[in-house]
């Protein structure tokens, strides 16, 4: 079994590639001039994921260990990275006739019509990624806030609000999965004659994009379910009690004599003064 801190380090290790891939895709999208509305909406989604990943970097090791969702989070983040990398490669192929960000007529028509389904699927996948990451940060922040705080009525109200947020995220994910399954079924049953020119390639790419979105939704389910469990008042109260029960041994002076000063966090026990 992997050591707890090595698991946390593995999460941190996938955040940096995710941020890099997200920023590369964002840069490519922002360079496109007079892009269709679907692309402009996608820019907003990519930017929101970048911001969520940046905020995720503020989650401390203690919170990762308390939540116990490091492995599931790593899967979600890696899936997001893969989606950005793959879509960026597709985007470069779709805009190969354009120069200096100015879309050629053929490329603009492709982005606005033929590839619209894939762009929409990517947008929805990014929205799910952002929702999941934001939920992680939200509950991690709650755990951090109660580390040195007793359970009060105000904290209980915050816990209730966070539970509602996570339940809402799960509901949203479930609805998206139902819609996605319907899209996959419809696209799989459609004939090539029903598609536009160049449909064989577009249909295969669209199916692949939807499959990737389904994988992402399934990955986020594991994270959100665990977050819901960790957002229960009993779980948080237990974590708070555990943090407050930590004790420290304080030694004063060189070889246990003299005076020394410092900062102490948590309970204090086993204090000794004076002689060696």
C-alpha atoms as a PDB file:
ATOM      1  CA  UNK A   1       0.000   0.000   0.000  1.00  0.00           C
ATOM      2  CA  UNK A   2       1.329   3.424  -0.930  1.00  0.00           C
ATOM      3  CA  UNK A   3       2.329   5.797   1.881  1.00  0.00           C
ATOM      4  CA  UNK A   4      -0.270   8.552   2.536  1.00  0.00           C
ATOM      5  CA  UNK A   5       2.085  11.387   1.658  1.00  0.00           C
ATOM      6  CA  UNK A   6       3.204   9.664  -1.535  1.00  0.00           C
ATOM      7  CA  UNK A   7      -0.458   9.520  -2.590  1.00  0.00           C
ATOM      8  CA  UNK A   8      -0.842  13.233  -1.891  1.00  0.00           C
ATOM      9  CA  UNK A   9       2.331  13.926  -3.868  1.00  0.00           C
ATOM     10  CA  UNK A  10       0.890  11.988  -6.790  1.00  0.00           C
ATOM     11  CA  UNK A  11      -2.106  14.360  -6.872  1.00  0.00           C
ATOM     12  CA  UNK A  12       0.153  17.402  -6.848  1.00  0.00           C
ATOM     13  CA  UNK A  13       2.139  15.757  -9.632  1.00  0.00           C
ATOM     14  CA  UNK A  14      -0.856  15.627 -12.001  1.00  0.00           C
ATOM     15  CA  UNK A  15      -2.065  19.168 -11.283  1.00  0.00           C
ATOM     16  CA  UNK A  16       0.918  20.800 -12.978  1.00  0.00           C
ATOM     17  CA  UNK A  17       0.505  18.926 -16.311  1.00  0.00           C
ATOM     18  CA  UNK A  18      -3.225  19.665 -16.156  1.00  0.00           C
ATOM     19  CA  UNK A  19      -2.583  23.381 -15.730  1.00  0.00           C
ATOM     20  CA  UNK A  20      -0.021  23.345 -18.527  1.00  0.00           C
ATOM     21  CA  UNK A  21      -2.351  21.539 -20.926  1.00  0.00           C
ATOM     22  CA  UNK A  22      -5.268  23.786 -20.022  1.00  0.00           C
ATOM     23  CA  UNK A  23      -3.252  26.944 -20.613  1.00  0.00           C
ATOM     24  CA  UNK A  24      -1.960  25.707 -23.973  1.00  0.00           C
ATOM     25  CA  UNK A  25      -5.506  24.989 -25.134  1.00  0.00           C
ATOM     26  CA  UNK A  26      -6.714  28.338 -23.809  1.00  0.00           C
ATOM     27  CA  UNK A  27      -3.938  30.142 -25.672  1.00  0.00           C
ATOM     28  CA  UNK A  28      -4.805  28.386 -28.954  1.00  0.00           C
ATOM     29  CA  UNK A  29      -8.503  29.178 -28.563  1.00  0.00           C
ATOM     30  CA  UNK A  30      -7.915  32.827 -27.717  1.00  0.00           C
ATOM     31  CA  UNK A  31      -5.783  33.272 -30.839  1.00  0.00           C
ATOM     32  CA  UNK A  32      -8.730  32.429 -33.098  1.00  0.00           C
ATOM     33  CA  UNK A  33     -10.237  35.636 -34.448  1.00  0.00           C
ATOM     34  CA  UNK A  34     -13.947  35.902 -35.255  1.00  0.00           C
ATOM     35  CA  UNK A  35     -14.489  32.411 -33.867  1.00  0.00           C
ATOM     36  CA  UNK A  36     -18.002  30.889 -33.765  1.00  0.00           C
ATOM     37  CA  UNK A  37     -20.066  31.225 -30.594  1.00  0.00           C
ATOM     38  CA  UNK A  38     -19.321  27.610 -29.598  1.00  0.00           C
ATOM     39  CA  UNK A  39     -15.597  28.427 -29.462  1.00  0.00           C
ATOM     40  CA  UNK A  40     -16.140  31.595 -27.426  1.00  0.00           C
ATOM     41  CA  UNK A  41     -18.168  29.604 -24.901  1.00  0.00           C
ATOM     42  CA  UNK A  42     -15.434  26.966 -24.792  1.00  0.00           C
ATOM     43  CA  UNK A  43     -12.867  29.643 -23.942  1.00  0.00           C
ATOM     44  CA  UNK A  44     -14.871  30.492 -20.822  1.00  0.00           C
ATOM     45  CA  UNK A  45     -15.065  26.822 -19.818  1.00  0.00           C
ATOM     46  CA  UNK A  46     -11.314  26.276 -20.259  1.00  0.00           C
ATOM     47  CA  UNK A  47     -10.585  29.412 -18.253  1.00  0.00           C
ATOM     48  CA  UNK A  48     -12.876  28.269 -15.421  1.00  0.00           C
ATOM     49  CA  UNK A  49     -11.050  24.918 -15.255  1.00  0.00           C
ATOM     50  CA  UNK A  50      -7.701  26.718 -15.158  1.00  0.00           C
ATOM     51  CA  UNK A  51      -8.911  28.800 -12.207  1.00  0.00           C
ATOM     52  CA  UNK A  52     -10.261  25.704 -10.425  1.00  0.00           C
ATOM     53  CA  UNK A  53      -6.945  23.874 -10.849  1.00  0.00           C
ATOM     54  CA  UNK A  54      -5.059  26.892  -9.550  1.00  0.00           C
ATOM     55  CA  UNK A  55      -7.272  26.949  -6.453  1.00  0.00           C
ATOM     56  CA  UNK A  56      -6.772  23.191  -6.007  1.00  0.00           C
ATOM     57  CA  UNK A  57      -3.067  23.859  -5.447  1.00  0.00           C
ATOM     58  CA  UNK A  58      -3.948  25.597  -2.180  1.00  0.00           C
ATOM     59  CA  UNK A  59      -5.324  22.391  -0.630  1.00  0.00           C
ATOM     60  CA  UNK A  60      -2.869  21.267   2.034  1.00  0.00           C
ATOM     61  CA  UNK A  61      -1.610  17.743   2.658  1.00  0.00           C
ATOM     62  CA  UNK A  62      -3.575  17.472   5.907  1.00  0.00           C
ATOM     63  CA  UNK A  63      -6.860  18.042   4.081  1.00  0.00           C
ATOM     64  CA  UNK A  64      -6.018  15.522   1.361  1.00  0.00           C
ATOM     65  CA  UNK A  65      -5.312  12.944   4.053  1.00  0.00           C
ATOM     66  CA  UNK A  66      -8.483  13.810   5.972  1.00  0.00           C
ATOM     67  CA  UNK A  67     -10.712  13.571   2.889  1.00  0.00           C
ATOM     68  CA  UNK A  68      -9.117  10.383   1.578  1.00  0.00           C
ATOM     69  CA  UNK A  69      -9.941  11.158  -2.065  1.00  0.00           C
ATOM     70  CA  UNK A  70      -6.446  11.613  -3.474  1.00  0.00           C
ATOM     71  CA  UNK A  71      -6.548   8.668  -5.867  1.00  0.00           C
ATOM     72  CA  UNK A  72     -10.033   9.479  -7.182  1.00  0.00           C
ATOM     73  CA  UNK A  73      -9.074  13.134  -7.615  1.00  0.00           C
ATOM     74  CA  UNK A  74      -5.952  12.154  -9.527  1.00  0.00           C
ATOM     75  CA  UNK A  75      -8.094  10.165 -11.959  1.00  0.00           C
ATOM     76  CA  UNK A  76     -10.444  13.105 -12.502  1.00  0.00           C
ATOM     77  CA  UNK A  77      -7.573  15.540 -13.076  1.00  0.00           C
ATOM     78  CA  UNK A  78      -5.748  13.173 -15.422  1.00  0.00           C
ATOM     79  CA  UNK A  79      -8.925  12.675 -17.440  1.00  0.00           C
ATOM     80  CA  UNK A  80      -9.249  16.445 -17.778  1.00  0.00           C
ATOM     81  CA  UNK A  81      -5.617  16.727 -18.912  1.00  0.00           C
ATOM     82  CA  UNK A  82      -6.101  14.048 -21.538  1.00  0.00           C
ATOM     83  CA  UNK A  83      -9.257  15.742 -22.825  1.00  0.00           C
ATOM     84  CA  UNK A  84      -7.480  19.084 -23.217  1.00  0.00           C
ATOM     85  CA  UNK A  85      -4.491  17.549 -24.973  1.00  0.00           C
ATOM     86  CA  UNK A  86      -6.635  15.548 -27.387  1.00  0.00           C
ATOM     87  CA  UNK A  87      -8.953  18.437 -28.162  1.00  0.00           C
ATOM     88  CA  UNK A  88      -6.021  20.765 -28.770  1.00  0.00           C
ATOM     89  CA  UNK A  89      -4.636  18.329 -31.332  1.00  0.00           C
ATOM     90  CA  UNK A  90      -8.045  18.177 -33.032  1.00  0.00           C
ATOM     91  CA  UNK A  91      -8.358  21.961 -33.007  1.00  0.00           C
ATOM     92  CA  UNK A  92      -5.011  22.345 -34.708  1.00  0.00           C
ATOM     93  CA  UNK A  93      -6.120  19.887 -37.383  1.00  0.00           C
ATOM     94  CA  UNK A  94      -9.486  21.597 -37.872  1.00  0.00           C
ATOM     95  CA  UNK A  95      -7.843  25.002 -38.318  1.00  0.00           C
ATOM     96  CA  UNK A  96      -4.941  23.862 -40.500  1.00  0.00           C
ATOM     97  CA  UNK A  97      -6.041  26.134 -43.369  1.00  0.00           C
ATOM     98  CA  UNK A  98      -5.967  29.247 -41.180  1.00  0.00           C
ATOM     99  CA  UNK A  99      -3.029  31.546 -40.445  1.00  0.00           C
ATOM    100  CA  UNK A 100      -2.192  33.924 -37.591  1.00  0.00           C
ATOM    101  CA  UNK A 101      -5.500  33.200 -35.871  1.00  0.00           C
ATOM    102  CA  UNK A 102      -7.584  34.377 -38.824  1.00  0.00           C
ATOM    103  CA  UNK A 103      -9.981  31.581 -39.620  1.00  0.00           C
ATOM    104  CA  UNK A 104     -10.173  30.450 -43.219  1.00  0.00           C
ATOM    105  CA  UNK A 105     -13.720  30.178 -44.541  1.00  0.00           C
ATOM    106  CA  UNK A 106     -13.500  26.388 -44.701  1.00  0.00           C
ATOM    107  CA  UNK A 107     -12.210  26.117 -41.137  1.00  0.00           C
ATOM    108  CA  UNK A 108     -14.825  28.519 -39.822  1.00  0.00           C
ATOM    109  CA  UNK A 109     -17.593  26.468 -41.420  1.00  0.00           C
ATOM    110  CA  UNK A 110     -16.107  23.321 -39.911  1.00  0.00           C
ATOM    111  CA  UNK A 111     -15.968  24.764 -36.396  1.00  0.00           C
ATOM    112  CA  UNK A 112     -19.392  26.342 -36.671  1.00  0.00           C
ATOM    113  CA  UNK A 113     -21.224  23.317 -38.046  1.00  0.00           C
ATOM    114  CA  UNK A 114     -19.428  20.023 -38.659  1.00  0.00           C
ATOM    115  CA  UNK A 115     -17.488  19.991 -35.386  1.00  0.00           C
ATOM    116  CA  UNK A 116     -20.095  21.744 -33.243  1.00  0.00           C
ATOM    117  CA  UNK A 117     -21.174  18.483 -31.602  1.00  0.00           C
ATOM    118  CA  UNK A 118     -17.631  17.687 -30.481  1.00  0.00           C
ATOM    119  CA  UNK A 119     -17.031  21.221 -29.245  1.00  0.00           C
ATOM    120  CA  UNK A 120     -20.230  21.079 -27.193  1.00  0.00           C
ATOM    121  CA  UNK A 121     -19.232  17.704 -25.730  1.00  0.00           C
ATOM    122  CA  UNK A 122     -15.828  19.096 -24.774  1.00  0.00           C
ATOM    123  CA  UNK A 123     -17.482  22.109 -23.176  1.00  0.00           C
ATOM    124  CA  UNK A 124     -19.713  19.875 -21.067  1.00  0.00           C
ATOM    125  CA  UNK A 125     -16.751  17.729 -20.036  1.00  0.00           C
ATOM    126  CA  UNK A 126     -14.859  20.811 -18.883  1.00  0.00           C
ATOM    127  CA  UNK A 127     -17.880  22.036 -16.925  1.00  0.00           C
ATOM    128  CA  UNK A 128     -18.044  18.697 -15.133  1.00  0.00           C
ATOM    129  CA  UNK A 129     -14.313  18.851 -14.391  1.00  0.00           C
ATOM    130  CA  UNK A 130     -14.631  22.345 -12.954  1.00  0.00           C
ATOM    131  CA  UNK A 131     -17.645  21.336 -10.844  1.00  0.00           C
ATOM    132  CA  UNK A 132     -15.797  18.340  -9.378  1.00  0.00           C
ATOM    133  CA  UNK A 133     -12.584  20.237  -8.622  1.00  0.00           C
ATOM    134  CA  UNK A 134     -14.514  23.131  -7.074  1.00  0.00           C
ATOM    135  CA  UNK A 135     -16.354  20.647  -4.843  1.00  0.00           C
ATOM    136  CA  UNK A 136     -13.033  19.189  -3.662  1.00  0.00           C
ATOM    137  CA  UNK A 137     -11.706  22.640  -2.790  1.00  0.00           C
ATOM    138  CA  UNK A 138     -14.946  23.569  -1.038  1.00  0.00           C
ATOM    139  CA  UNK A 139     -14.927  20.585   1.333  1.00  0.00           C
ATOM    140  CA  UNK A 140     -11.150  20.803   1.843  1.00  0.00           C
ATOM    141  CA  UNK A 141     -11.578  24.440   2.880  1.00  0.00           C
ATOM    142  CA  UNK A 142     -14.278  23.401   5.352  1.00  0.00           C
ATOM    143  CA  UNK A 143     -11.978  20.777   6.901  1.00  0.00           C
ATOM    144  CA  UNK A 144      -9.187  23.332   7.130  1.00  0.00           C
ATOM    145  CA  UNK A 145     -11.453  25.845   8.875  1.00  0.00           C
ATOM    146  CA  UNK A 146     -12.476  23.407  11.613  1.00  0.00           C
ATOM    147  CA  UNK A 147      -8.937  22.234  12.285  1.00  0.00           C
ATOM    148  CA  UNK A 148      -8.605  24.577  15.298  1.00  0.00           C
ATOM    149  CA  UNK A 149     -12.279  25.412  15.802  1.00  0.00           C
ATOM    150  CA  UNK A 150     -14.952  23.792  17.916  1.00  0.00           C
ATOM    151  CA  UNK A 151     -18.223  22.630  16.387  1.00  0.00           C
ATOM    152  CA  UNK A 152     -20.592  25.603  16.650  1.00  0.00           C
ATOM    153  CA  UNK A 153     -24.055  26.292  15.297  1.00  0.00           C
ATOM    154  CA  UNK A 154     -22.469  28.506  12.654  1.00  0.00           C
ATOM    155  CA  UNK A 155     -20.191  25.661  11.543  1.00  0.00           C
ATOM    156  CA  UNK A 156     -23.167  23.295  11.456  1.00  0.00           C
ATOM    157  CA  UNK A 157     -25.007  25.679   9.118  1.00  0.00           C
ATOM    158  CA  UNK A 158     -21.974  25.805   6.826  1.00  0.00           C
ATOM    159  CA  UNK A 159     -21.819  22.002   6.835  1.00  0.00           C
ATOM    160  CA  UNK A 160     -25.486  21.830   5.826  1.00  0.00           C
ATOM    161  CA  UNK A 161     -24.851  24.270   2.970  1.00  0.00           C
ATOM    162  CA  UNK A 162     -21.863  22.268   1.744  1.00  0.00           C
ATOM    163  CA  UNK A 163     -23.920  19.064   1.827  1.00  0.00           C
ATOM    164  CA  UNK A 164     -26.564  20.716  -0.328  1.00  0.00           C
ATOM    165  CA  UNK A 165     -23.892  21.868  -2.786  1.00  0.00           C
ATOM    166  CA  UNK A 166     -22.418  18.381  -3.123  1.00  0.00           C
ATOM    167  CA  UNK A 167     -25.858  16.808  -3.498  1.00  0.00           C
ATOM    168  CA  UNK A 168     -26.595  19.344  -6.231  1.00  0.00           C
ATOM    169  CA  UNK A 169     -23.333  18.491  -7.986  1.00  0.00           C
ATOM    170  CA  UNK A 170     -24.224  14.790  -7.890  1.00  0.00           C
ATOM    171  CA  UNK A 171     -27.695  15.495  -9.287  1.00  0.00           C
ATOM    172  CA  UNK A 172     -26.192  17.575 -12.087  1.00  0.00           C
ATOM    173  CA  UNK A 173     -23.720  14.807 -12.897  1.00  0.00           C
ATOM    174  CA  UNK A 174     -26.482  12.174 -12.994  1.00  0.00           C
ATOM    175  CA  UNK A 175     -28.628  14.289 -15.330  1.00  0.00           C
ATOM    176  CA  UNK A 176     -25.693  14.881 -17.648  1.00  0.00           C
ATOM    177  CA  UNK A 177     -24.977  11.165 -17.763  1.00  0.00           C
ATOM    178  CA  UNK A 178     -28.569  10.397 -18.795  1.00  0.00           C
ATOM    179  CA  UNK A 179     -28.413  12.998 -21.575  1.00  0.00           C
ATOM    180  CA  UNK A 180     -25.021  11.670 -22.649  1.00  0.00           C
ATOM    181  CA  UNK A 181     -26.233   8.086 -22.842  1.00  0.00           C
ATOM    182  CA  UNK A 182     -29.114   9.230 -25.073  1.00  0.00           C
ATOM    183  CA  UNK A 183     -26.703  11.111 -27.339  1.00  0.00           C
ATOM    184  CA  UNK A 184     -24.472   8.072 -27.652  1.00  0.00           C
ATOM    185  CA  UNK A 185     -27.413   5.852 -28.529  1.00  0.00           C
ATOM    186  CA  UNK A 186     -28.756   8.281 -31.138  1.00  0.00           C
ATOM    187  CA  UNK A 187     -25.357   8.801 -32.729  1.00  0.00           C
ATOM    188  CA  UNK A 188     -24.578   5.084 -32.786  1.00  0.00           C
ATOM    189  CA  UNK A 189     -27.892   4.305 -34.491  1.00  0.00           C
ATOM    190  CA  UNK A 190     -27.637   7.126 -37.051  1.00  0.00           C
ATOM    191  CA  UNK A 191     -26.619   6.130 -40.574  1.00  0.00           C
ATOM    192  CA  UNK A 192     -23.793   7.786 -42.468  1.00  0.00           C
ATOM    193  CA  UNK A 193     -26.366   9.092 -44.962  1.00  0.00           C
ATOM    194  CA  UNK A 194     -27.990  11.075 -42.165  1.00  0.00           C
ATOM    195  CA  UNK A 195     -24.765  12.901 -41.478  1.00  0.00           C
ATOM    196  CA  UNK A 196     -23.268  15.773 -43.435  1.00  0.00           C
ATOM    197  CA  UNK A 197     -20.430  15.494 -45.924  1.00  0.00           C
ATOM    198  CA  UNK A 198     -17.357  13.942 -44.358  1.00  0.00           C
ATOM    199  CA  UNK A 199     -19.639  12.305 -41.830  1.00  0.00           C
ATOM    200  CA  UNK A 200     -17.728   9.056 -41.333  1.00  0.00           C
ATOM    201  CA  UNK A 201     -14.790  10.830 -39.748  1.00  0.00           C
ATOM    202  CA  UNK A 202     -16.974  13.322 -37.867  1.00  0.00           C
ATOM    203  CA  UNK A 203     -19.209  10.600 -36.472  1.00  0.00           C
ATOM    204  CA  UNK A 204     -16.235   8.555 -35.234  1.00  0.00           C
ATOM    205  CA  UNK A 205     -14.676  11.613 -33.632  1.00  0.00           C
ATOM    206  CA  UNK A 206     -17.982  12.597 -32.013  1.00  0.00           C
ATOM    207  CA  UNK A 207     -18.442   9.109 -30.575  1.00  0.00           C
ATOM    208  CA  UNK A 208     -14.923   9.191 -29.174  1.00  0.00           C
ATOM    209  CA  UNK A 209     -15.524  12.597 -27.601  1.00  0.00           C
ATOM    210  CA  UNK A 210     -18.759  11.410 -25.975  1.00  0.00           C
ATOM    211  CA  UNK A 211     -17.058   8.270 -24.672  1.00  0.00           C
ATOM    212  CA  UNK A 212     -14.358  10.404 -23.072  1.00  0.00           C
ATOM    213  CA  UNK A 213     -17.048  12.552 -21.487  1.00  0.00           C
ATOM    214  CA  UNK A 214     -18.715   9.441 -20.069  1.00  0.00           C
ATOM    215  CA  UNK A 215     -15.413   8.325 -18.524  1.00  0.00           C
ATOM    216  CA  UNK A 216     -15.016  11.743 -16.952  1.00  0.00           C
ATOM    217  CA  UNK A 217     -18.536  11.658 -15.497  1.00  0.00           C
ATOM    218  CA  UNK A 218     -17.935   8.212 -14.025  1.00  0.00           C
ATOM    219  CA  UNK A 219     -14.643   9.378 -12.504  1.00  0.00           C
ATOM    220  CA  UNK A 220     -16.307  12.407 -10.923  1.00  0.00           C
ATOM    221  CA  UNK A 221     -19.002  10.188  -9.408  1.00  0.00           C
ATOM    222  CA  UNK A 222     -16.404   8.478  -7.204  1.00  0.00           C
ATOM    223  CA  UNK A 223     -15.079  11.818  -5.997  1.00  0.00           C
ATOM    224  CA  UNK A 224     -18.484  13.392  -5.346  1.00  0.00           C
ATOM    225  CA  UNK A 225     -19.841  10.356  -3.494  1.00  0.00           C
ATOM    226  CA  UNK A 226     -16.852  10.391  -1.147  1.00  0.00           C
ATOM    227  CA  UNK A 227     -17.150  14.137  -0.666  1.00  0.00           C
ATOM    228  CA  UNK A 228     -20.797  13.723   0.288  1.00  0.00           C
ATOM    229  CA  UNK A 229     -19.790  11.165   2.902  1.00  0.00           C
ATOM    230  CA  UNK A 230     -17.058  13.449   4.220  1.00  0.00           C
ATOM    231  CA  UNK A 231     -19.443  16.417   4.377  1.00  0.00           C
ATOM    232  CA  UNK A 232     -21.672  14.697   6.940  1.00  0.00           C
ATOM    233  CA  UNK A 233     -21.675  16.410  10.340  1.00  0.00           C
ATOM    234  CA  UNK A 234     -20.529  13.235  12.109  1.00  0.00           C
ATOM    235  CA  UNK A 235     -17.489  12.871   9.837  1.00  0.00           C
ATOM    236  CA  UNK A 236     -16.485  16.504  10.257  1.00  0.00           C
ATOM    237  CA  UNK A 237     -16.999  16.411  14.027  1.00  0.00           C
ATOM    238  CA  UNK A 238     -14.759  13.347  14.187  1.00  0.00           C
ATOM    239  CA  UNK A 239     -12.067  15.092  12.138  1.00  0.00           C
ATOM    240  CA  UNK A 240     -12.301  18.198  14.344  1.00  0.00           C
ATOM    241  CA  UNK A 241     -12.019  16.129  17.527  1.00  0.00           C
ATOM    242  CA  UNK A 242      -9.012  14.287  16.136  1.00  0.00           C
ATOM    243  CA  UNK A 243      -7.254  17.535  15.256  1.00  0.00           C
ATOM    244  CA  UNK A 244      -7.966  19.088  18.658  1.00  0.00           C
ATOM    245  CA  UNK A 245      -6.733  16.008  20.525  1.00  0.00           C
ATOM    246  CA  UNK A 246      -3.252  16.304  19.056  1.00  0.00           C
ATOM    247  CA  UNK A 247      -0.761  17.066  21.783  1.00  0.00           C
ATOM    248  CA  UNK A 248       2.717  18.536  21.845  1.00  0.00           C
ATOM    249  CA  UNK A 249       5.713  17.940  24.051  1.00  0.00           C
ATOM    250  CA  UNK A 250       7.415  21.192  25.068  1.00  0.00           C
ATOM    251  CA  UNK A 251      11.023  21.344  26.238  1.00  0.00           C
ATOM    252  CA  UNK A 252      12.435  24.570  27.655  1.00  0.00           C
ATOM    253  CA  UNK A 253      16.074  25.527  27.217  1.00  0.00           C
ATOM    254  CA  UNK A 254      19.285  23.842  26.226  1.00  0.00           C
ATOM    255  CA  UNK A 255      19.343  20.307  27.546  1.00  0.00           C
ATOM    256  CA  UNK A 256      15.942  20.934  29.139  1.00  0.00           C
ATOM    257  CA  UNK A 257      16.978  24.043  31.080  1.00  0.00           C
ATOM    258  CA  UNK A 258      16.775  27.777  30.457  1.00  0.00           C
ATOM    259  CA  UNK A 259      14.146  29.473  28.291  1.00  0.00           C
ATOM    260  CA  UNK A 260      12.938  29.061  24.749  1.00  0.00           C
ATOM    261  CA  UNK A 261       9.905  30.525  22.968  1.00  0.00           C
ATOM    262  CA  UNK A 262       7.934  29.318  19.986  1.00  0.00           C
ATOM    263  CA  UNK A 263       4.466  28.765  18.529  1.00  0.00           C
ATOM    264  CA  UNK A 264       2.394  25.811  19.672  1.00  0.00           C
ATOM    265  CA  UNK A 265      -0.686  24.531  17.832  1.00  0.00           C
ATOM    266  CA  UNK A 266      -3.174  22.126  19.389  1.00  0.00           C
ATOM    267  CA  UNK A 267      -3.346  20.823  22.933  1.00  0.00           C
ATOM    268  CA  UNK A 268      -0.272  20.902  25.223  1.00  0.00           C
ATOM    269  CA  UNK A 269       0.778  18.058  27.485  1.00  0.00           C
ATOM    270  CA  UNK A 270       3.925  16.544  28.955  1.00  0.00           C
ATOM    271  CA  UNK A 271       5.356  19.968  29.839  1.00  0.00           C
ATOM    272  CA  UNK A 272       8.514  19.945  31.916  1.00  0.00           C
ATOM    273  CA  UNK A 273      10.420  22.860  33.423  1.00  0.00           C
ATOM    274  CA  UNK A 274      13.835  23.230  34.920  1.00  0.00           C
ATOM    275  CA  UNK A 275      16.469  20.576  35.411  1.00  0.00           C
ATOM    276  CA  UNK A 276      17.896  18.013  33.105  1.00  0.00           C
END
